[in-house]
């Protein structure tokens, strides 16, 4: 499946330290497998758990990485 990144997600990944950045990129490349879970209240939106980071993404004809956030910030409205 083809993977695209939003500007917000690309910027967030660039700010993360290298050891975590490598883990996040490897996990994104393996999508749609991993510790992913559908988010309630959203249509076709999922989260992938990588340590203390959450990758929010949508699945359709392609996978779109919406955002990469620390766990504390990922679930706040």
N, C-alpha and C. Protein backbone atom coordinates (compact mmCIF):
# COMPACT_ATOMS: atom_id res chain seq x y z
N UNK A 1 0.83 -1.19 0.00
CA UNK A 1 0.00 0.00 0.00
C UNK A 1 0.88 1.25 0.00
N UNK A 2 0.44 2.29 -0.66
CA UNK A 2 1.18 3.55 -0.73
C UNK A 2 0.93 4.36 0.54
N UNK A 3 1.99 4.96 1.08
CA UNK A 3 1.90 5.73 2.32
C UNK A 3 2.22 7.19 2.02
N UNK A 4 1.35 8.10 2.49
CA UNK A 4 1.60 9.53 2.34
C UNK A 4 1.64 10.16 3.73
N UNK A 5 2.32 11.30 3.83
CA UNK A 5 2.47 12.01 5.10
C UNK A 5 1.86 13.40 4.98
N UNK A 6 1.13 13.83 5.99
CA UNK A 6 0.66 15.21 6.03
C UNK A 6 1.84 16.09 6.43
N UNK A 7 1.73 17.39 6.20
CA UNK A 7 2.80 18.31 6.59
C UNK A 7 3.03 18.26 8.08
N UNK A 8 1.95 18.15 8.84
CA UNK A 8 2.03 18.10 10.30
C UNK A 8 2.81 16.86 10.76
N UNK A 9 2.54 15.71 10.13
CA UNK A 9 3.23 14.47 10.51
C UNK A 9 4.70 14.53 10.14
N UNK A 10 5.03 15.05 8.97
CA UNK A 10 6.43 15.15 8.55
C UNK A 10 7.21 16.06 9.49
N UNK A 11 6.60 17.16 9.90
CA UNK A 11 7.26 18.09 10.81
C UNK A 11 7.46 17.45 12.19
N UNK A 12 6.45 16.72 12.66
CA UNK A 12 6.55 16.06 13.97
C UNK A 12 7.65 15.00 13.96
N UNK A 13 7.75 14.23 12.89
CA UNK A 13 8.78 13.19 12.80
C UNK A 13 10.17 13.82 12.78
N UNK A 14 10.32 14.95 12.09
CA UNK A 14 11.63 15.59 12.01
C UNK A 14 12.11 16.10 13.37
N UNK A 15 11.21 16.37 14.30
CA UNK A 15 11.58 16.89 15.62
C UNK A 15 11.91 15.80 16.64
N UNK A 16 11.64 14.54 16.31
CA UNK A 16 11.84 13.43 17.25
C UNK A 16 13.31 13.00 17.23
N UNK A 17 13.83 12.58 18.40
CA UNK A 17 15.21 12.10 18.50
C UNK A 17 15.43 10.87 17.63
N UNK A 18 16.66 10.68 17.18
CA UNK A 18 16.97 9.63 16.21
C UNK A 18 16.59 8.21 16.60
N UNK A 19 16.85 7.73 17.82
CA UNK A 19 16.47 6.34 18.12
C UNK A 19 14.96 6.10 17.97
N UNK A 20 14.15 7.05 18.42
CA UNK A 20 12.71 6.90 18.31
C UNK A 20 12.26 7.09 16.86
N UNK A 21 12.93 8.00 16.16
CA UNK A 21 12.58 8.28 14.76
C UNK A 21 12.74 7.02 13.91
N UNK A 22 13.81 6.28 14.13
CA UNK A 22 14.05 5.04 13.39
C UNK A 22 12.95 4.02 13.68
N UNK A 23 12.57 3.87 14.94
CA UNK A 23 11.51 2.93 15.31
C UNK A 23 10.18 3.34 14.67
N UNK A 24 9.89 4.62 14.66
CA UNK A 24 8.64 5.11 14.09
C UNK A 24 8.60 4.86 12.59
N UNK A 25 9.69 5.15 11.90
CA UNK A 25 9.73 4.94 10.45
C UNK A 25 9.60 3.47 10.10
N UNK A 26 10.25 2.59 10.87
CA UNK A 26 10.14 1.15 10.62
C UNK A 26 8.70 0.68 10.83
N UNK A 27 8.04 1.17 11.86
CA UNK A 27 6.66 0.77 12.14
C UNK A 27 5.72 1.26 11.04
N UNK A 28 5.94 2.47 10.54
CA UNK A 28 5.10 3.01 9.48
C UNK A 28 5.26 2.18 8.21
N UNK A 29 6.48 1.76 7.91
CA UNK A 29 6.72 0.95 6.72
C UNK A 29 6.02 -0.39 6.79
N UNK A 30 5.78 -0.91 8.00
CA UNK A 30 5.14 -2.21 8.18
C UNK A 30 3.61 -2.12 8.21
N UNK A 31 3.04 -0.90 8.14
CA UNK A 31 1.58 -0.77 8.17
C UNK A 31 0.96 -1.58 7.05
N UNK A 32 -0.16 -2.19 7.23
CA UNK A 32 -1.15 -2.08 8.29
C UNK A 32 -1.02 -3.13 9.38
N UNK A 33 0.19 -3.57 9.72
CA UNK A 33 0.34 -4.49 10.84
C UNK A 33 0.91 -3.72 12.03
N UNK A 34 0.88 -4.32 13.18
CA UNK A 34 1.39 -3.67 14.39
C UNK A 34 0.28 -3.49 15.41
N UNK A 35 0.57 -2.75 16.45
CA UNK A 35 -0.39 -2.50 17.51
C UNK A 35 -1.29 -1.32 17.11
N UNK A 36 -2.18 -1.58 16.16
CA UNK A 36 -3.08 -0.51 15.71
C UNK A 36 -4.48 -0.75 16.22
N UNK A 37 -5.21 0.34 16.39
CA UNK A 37 -6.55 0.27 16.94
C UNK A 37 -7.39 1.37 16.29
N UNK A 38 -8.64 1.06 15.96
CA UNK A 38 -9.53 2.05 15.37
C UNK A 38 -9.94 3.05 16.44
N UNK A 39 -9.95 4.32 16.07
CA UNK A 39 -10.34 5.37 17.01
C UNK A 39 -11.85 5.54 17.00
N UNK A 40 -12.44 5.63 18.16
CA UNK A 40 -13.88 5.84 18.27
C UNK A 40 -14.23 7.25 17.85
N UNK A 41 -15.37 7.39 17.18
CA UNK A 41 -15.85 8.70 16.79
C UNK A 41 -15.27 9.19 15.47
N UNK A 42 -14.39 8.40 14.87
CA UNK A 42 -13.79 8.78 13.59
C UNK A 42 -14.02 7.66 12.59
N UNK A 43 -14.14 8.03 11.34
CA UNK A 43 -14.35 7.03 10.30
C UNK A 43 -13.02 6.75 9.61
N UNK A 44 -12.61 5.51 9.56
CA UNK A 44 -11.37 5.08 8.91
C UNK A 44 -10.12 5.74 9.49
N UNK A 45 -10.12 6.05 10.77
CA UNK A 45 -8.96 6.63 11.43
C UNK A 45 -8.48 5.68 12.52
N UNK A 46 -7.17 5.45 12.54
CA UNK A 46 -6.57 4.48 13.45
C UNK A 46 -5.39 5.12 14.16
N UNK A 47 -4.92 4.43 15.20
CA UNK A 47 -3.70 4.84 15.87
C UNK A 47 -2.78 3.64 15.94
N UNK A 48 -1.49 3.94 15.84
CA UNK A 48 -0.46 2.92 15.97
C UNK A 48 0.40 3.30 17.16
N UNK A 49 0.61 2.37 18.07
CA UNK A 49 1.36 2.64 19.30
C UNK A 49 2.81 2.24 19.10
N UNK A 50 3.72 3.19 19.31
CA UNK A 50 5.16 2.94 19.25
C UNK A 50 5.75 3.55 20.52
N UNK A 51 5.95 2.76 21.55
CA UNK A 51 6.46 3.27 22.82
C UNK A 51 5.55 4.35 23.37
N UNK A 52 6.08 5.54 23.61
CA UNK A 52 5.27 6.65 24.14
C UNK A 52 4.71 7.53 23.04
N UNK A 53 4.84 7.12 21.79
CA UNK A 53 4.31 7.90 20.67
C UNK A 53 3.12 7.20 20.05
N UNK A 54 2.23 8.01 19.50
CA UNK A 54 1.06 7.50 18.80
C UNK A 54 1.06 8.07 17.39
N UNK A 55 0.89 7.20 16.41
CA UNK A 55 0.82 7.61 15.02
C UNK A 55 -0.65 7.53 14.63
N UNK A 56 -1.21 8.67 14.26
CA UNK A 56 -2.61 8.72 13.83
C UNK A 56 -2.62 8.66 12.32
N UNK A 57 -3.41 7.74 11.76
CA UNK A 57 -3.43 7.58 10.31
C UNK A 57 -4.80 7.13 9.83
N UNK A 58 -5.04 7.36 8.57
CA UNK A 58 -6.28 6.95 7.93
C UNK A 58 -6.00 5.92 6.86
N UNK A 59 -6.93 4.99 6.68
CA UNK A 59 -6.78 3.96 5.66
C UNK A 59 -7.91 4.13 4.65
N UNK A 60 -7.56 4.22 3.41
CA UNK A 60 -8.50 4.30 2.30
C UNK A 60 -7.85 3.59 1.13
N UNK A 61 -7.78 4.27 0.00
CA UNK A 61 -7.05 3.71 -1.14
C UNK A 61 -5.55 3.70 -0.85
N UNK A 62 -5.11 4.59 0.03
CA UNK A 62 -3.73 4.63 0.50
C UNK A 62 -3.74 4.92 1.99
N UNK A 63 -2.61 4.78 2.62
CA UNK A 63 -2.48 5.09 4.05
C UNK A 63 -1.95 6.51 4.17
N UNK A 64 -2.68 7.35 4.90
CA UNK A 64 -2.24 8.73 5.12
C UNK A 64 -1.88 8.91 6.59
N UNK A 65 -0.61 9.23 6.85
CA UNK A 65 -0.15 9.51 8.21
C UNK A 65 -0.60 10.93 8.54
N UNK A 66 -1.50 11.06 9.51
CA UNK A 66 -2.09 12.35 9.86
C UNK A 66 -1.21 13.11 10.83
N UNK A 67 -0.75 12.42 11.89
CA UNK A 67 0.06 13.09 12.90
C UNK A 67 0.84 12.07 13.71
N UNK A 68 1.92 12.52 14.31
CA UNK A 68 2.73 11.71 15.23
C UNK A 68 2.84 12.52 16.51
N UNK A 69 2.29 11.97 17.61
CA UNK A 69 2.20 12.73 18.85
C UNK A 69 2.67 11.90 20.04
N UNK A 70 3.15 12.57 21.10
CA UNK A 70 3.39 11.85 22.36
C UNK A 70 2.05 11.34 22.89
N UNK A 71 2.10 10.29 23.66
CA UNK A 71 0.88 9.65 24.15
C UNK A 71 -0.05 10.63 24.85
N UNK A 72 0.50 11.52 25.67
CA UNK A 72 -0.33 12.45 26.44
C UNK A 72 -1.13 13.37 25.55
N UNK A 73 -0.57 13.78 24.44
CA UNK A 73 -1.22 14.75 23.55
C UNK A 73 -2.13 14.09 22.52
N UNK A 74 -1.96 12.82 22.28
CA UNK A 74 -2.68 12.16 21.19
C UNK A 74 -4.18 12.06 21.41
N UNK A 75 -4.62 11.96 22.64
CA UNK A 75 -6.03 11.71 22.90
C UNK A 75 -6.77 12.91 23.43
N UNK A 76 -6.12 14.07 23.51
CA UNK A 76 -6.81 15.28 23.96
C UNK A 76 -7.62 15.86 22.82
N UNK A 77 -8.78 16.38 23.13
CA UNK A 77 -9.63 17.00 22.10
C UNK A 77 -9.36 18.45 21.96
